[in-house]
Amino acid sequence: MKNNDKTNVMRVLDSKKIKYESHTYEADPTLTGEQIAGILGEDTEKVFKTLVTQGKTGAYYVFVVPVEAELDLKKAAKAAGEKSISMIKQKDLLGLTGYVHGGCSPIGMKKQFATFIHETAESYEKVFVSAGKVGAQIELAPADLIKIANIKVADIIS
């Protein structure tokens, strides 16, 4: 991959000397996570989506869950130590994270928010997350992802 094809996520991983594999596909923002897993030829349990929420206190939190799973807002609030949390509005995503809907990654956001990943991630050798733009995914060891993005592991899906 040429250097100018690299996303911010890839540059962050390169700077920390973390091994990853990048995968690209036709950038289509209407694709579901399940469809992307199919394009990658991977189980939906190994392909994760990044969700951004706001707690009752006003703090923002990031949750990384398998694409076929639903974030359990009660479990997520408990993990974050909040009374309640809600999803942010899609229009607020870019300004807050630097990423667009469908291309949001837990790595390299404008600001580091408290981030949680579903506990099943640790059971896989490799997991997939967005590479920071629509049409690009990165595959890496969950331990590396957890370390680079300072992620806490929690039971956060229904």
Protein backbone atom coordinates (compact mmCIF):
# COMPACT_ATOMS: atom_id res chain seq x y z
CA MET A 1 0.00 0.00 0.00
CA LYS A 2 1.36 3.40 -0.96
CA ASN A 3 1.94 5.83 1.90
CA ASN A 4 -0.72 8.26 0.67
CA ASP A 5 -3.28 5.40 0.73
CA LYS A 6 -2.68 4.92 4.44
CA THR A 7 -5.34 6.08 6.85
CA ASN A 8 -4.64 7.85 10.12
CA VAL A 9 -5.34 4.52 11.87
CA MET A 10 -2.60 2.80 9.84
CA ARG A 11 -0.15 5.64 10.53
CA VAL A 12 -0.82 5.34 14.29
CA LEU A 13 -0.24 1.56 14.16
CA ASP A 14 2.92 2.01 12.06
CA SER A 15 4.29 4.60 14.50
CA LYS A 16 3.80 2.14 17.39
CA LYS A 17 5.24 -0.74 15.33
CA ILE A 18 2.04 -2.79 15.68
CA LYS A 19 1.47 -5.49 13.08
CA TYR A 20 -1.78 -5.33 11.14
CA GLU A 21 -3.19 -6.26 7.79
CA SER A 22 -5.32 -3.82 5.84
CA HIS A 23 -8.30 -4.84 3.72
CA THR A 24 -10.13 -2.60 1.29
CA TYR A 25 -13.40 -3.04 -0.52
CA GLU A 26 -15.73 -0.89 -2.60
CA ALA A 27 -16.60 2.06 -0.36
CA ASP A 28 -20.36 1.88 0.05
CA PRO A 29 -21.81 3.57 3.15
CA THR A 30 -25.03 1.53 2.80
CA LEU A 31 -23.25 -1.76 3.52
CA THR A 32 -24.07 -3.36 6.85
CA GLY A 33 -21.42 -4.77 9.15
CA GLU A 34 -22.65 -8.26 8.30
CA GLN A 35 -22.23 -7.54 4.57
CA ILE A 36 -18.70 -6.22 5.18
CA ALA A 37 -17.84 -9.40 7.12
CA GLY A 38 -19.10 -11.37 4.11
CA ILE A 39 -16.94 -9.33 1.72
CA LEU A 40 -13.94 -10.00 3.98
CA GLY A 41 -14.87 -13.70 4.14
CA GLU A 42 -14.92 -13.55 7.94
CA ASP A 43 -17.29 -14.54 10.74
CA THR A 44 -19.42 -11.64 11.96
CA GLU A 45 -18.16 -12.35 15.50
CA LYS A 46 -14.62 -11.28 14.48
CA VAL A 47 -15.61 -8.06 12.69
CA PHE A 48 -16.28 -5.20 15.11
CA LYS A 49 -18.12 -1.90 14.78
CA THR A 50 -17.28 1.24 16.73
CA LEU A 51 -20.14 3.05 18.45
CA VAL A 52 -19.92 6.45 20.13
CA THR A 53 -22.18 7.31 23.05
CA GLN A 54 -22.71 10.03 25.61
CA GLY A 55 -23.32 9.43 29.29
CA LYS A 56 -25.74 11.24 31.57
CA THR A 57 -22.72 13.19 32.93
CA GLY A 58 -22.00 14.53 29.42
CA ALA A 59 -18.87 12.40 28.99
CA TYR A 60 -18.38 10.49 25.73
CA TYR A 61 -17.66 6.76 25.53
CA VAL A 62 -16.67 4.45 22.69
CA PHE A 63 -17.90 0.85 22.47
CA VAL A 64 -16.49 -1.76 20.09
CA VAL A 65 -18.85 -4.68 19.51
CA PRO A 66 -19.26 -7.49 16.97
CA VAL A 67 -21.13 -6.22 13.89
CA GLU A 68 -24.05 -8.61 14.37
CA ALA A 69 -24.48 -7.66 18.04
CA GLU A 70 -26.45 -4.88 19.66
CA LEU A 71 -24.85 -2.68 22.30
CA ASP A 72 -26.71 -3.19 25.59
CA LEU A 73 -27.06 0.39 26.84
CA LYS A 74 -27.61 -0.71 30.47
CA LYS A 75 -24.48 -2.92 30.47
CA ALA A 76 -22.54 -0.19 28.66
CA ALA A 77 -23.59 2.43 31.24
CA LYS A 78 -22.56 0.08 34.05
CA ALA A 79 -19.15 -0.53 32.42
CA ALA A 80 -18.66 3.24 32.03
CA GLY A 81 -19.83 3.99 35.57
CA GLU A 82 -22.76 6.08 34.29
CA LYS A 83 -26.43 6.10 35.30
CA SER A 84 -27.35 5.91 31.61
CA ILE A 85 -25.87 6.40 28.16
CA SER A 86 -27.31 7.06 24.73
CA MET A 87 -26.00 6.93 21.19
CA ILE A 88 -24.75 10.26 19.81
CA LYS A 89 -26.44 11.74 16.76
CA GLN A 90 -24.81 10.65 13.49
CA LYS A 91 -24.32 14.33 12.48
CA ASP A 92 -22.12 14.86 15.57
CA LEU A 93 -19.75 11.97 14.81
CA LEU A 94 -17.28 13.70 12.47
CA GLY A 95 -16.76 16.77 14.64
CA LEU A 96 -16.32 14.68 17.77
CA THR A 97 -14.13 11.84 16.46
CA GLY A 98 -12.73 12.95 13.11
CA TYR A 99 -14.42 9.95 11.50
CA VAL A 100 -17.52 9.58 9.32
CA HIS A 101 -20.35 7.13 9.89
CA GLY A 102 -19.24 3.74 8.54
CA GLY A 103 -15.57 4.65 8.92
CA CYS A 104 -15.28 5.19 12.67
CA SER A 105 -12.34 3.44 14.34
CA PRO A 106 -11.41 3.15 18.02
CA ILE A 107 -7.83 4.05 16.99
CA GLY A 108 -6.73 7.60 16.27
CA MET A 109 -9.82 9.60 17.21
CA LYS A 110 -9.39 13.37 17.58
CA LYS A 111 -9.64 12.91 21.34
CA GLN A 112 -9.16 9.70 23.34
CA PHE A 113 -12.43 8.73 24.99
CA ALA A 114 -12.92 5.90 27.48
CA THR A 115 -13.25 2.87 25.20
CA PHE A 116 -14.66 -0.60 25.84
CA ILE A 117 -14.61 -3.75 23.72
CA HIS A 118 -16.85 -6.77 24.09
CA GLU A 119 -15.13 -9.57 25.97
CA THR A 120 -15.42 -12.06 23.08
CA ALA A 121 -12.69 -10.14 21.20
CA GLU A 122 -10.07 -11.73 23.45
CA SER A 123 -11.05 -15.21 22.28
CA TYR A 124 -9.86 -14.58 18.71
CA GLU A 125 -6.36 -14.54 17.27
CA LYS A 126 -7.27 -11.57 15.04
CA VAL A 127 -10.17 -9.11 14.92
CA PHE A 128 -11.26 -6.51 12.36
CA VAL A 129 -12.10 -2.85 12.98
CA SER A 130 -12.52 0.10 10.66
CA ALA A 131 -9.29 1.52 9.30
CA GLY A 132 -10.78 5.01 9.64
CA LYS A 133 -12.63 5.39 6.36
CA VAL A 134 -15.50 3.73 4.54
CA GLY A 135 -14.16 0.83 2.48
CA ALA A 136 -11.16 0.00 4.67
CA GLN A 137 -10.71 -2.42 7.57
CA ILE A 138 -7.69 -3.46 9.56
CA GLU A 139 -7.06 -6.91 11.00
CA LEU A 140 -4.94 -7.14 14.13
CA ALA A 141 -4.44 -9.07 17.34
CA PRO A 142 -7.06 -8.06 19.96
CA ALA A 143 -4.31 -7.56 22.57
CA ASP A 144 -2.64 -4.99 20.28
CA LEU A 145 -5.95 -3.21 19.69
CA ILE A 146 -6.66 -3.14 23.43
CA LYS A 147 -3.20 -1.77 24.16
CA ILE A 148 -3.01 0.89 21.41
CA ALA A 149 -6.47 2.36 22.13
CA ASN A 150 -6.32 1.85 25.92
CA ILE A 151 -9.47 -0.27 25.78
CA LYS A 152 -11.22 -1.93 28.71
CA VAL A 153 -12.78 -5.36 28.17
CA ALA A 154 -16.39 -5.71 29.30
CA ASP A 155 -19.67 -7.57 28.77
CA ILE A 156 -21.53 -4.89 26.81
CA ILE A 157 -23.88 -6.66 24.38
CA SER A 158 -27.43 -7.97 24.80
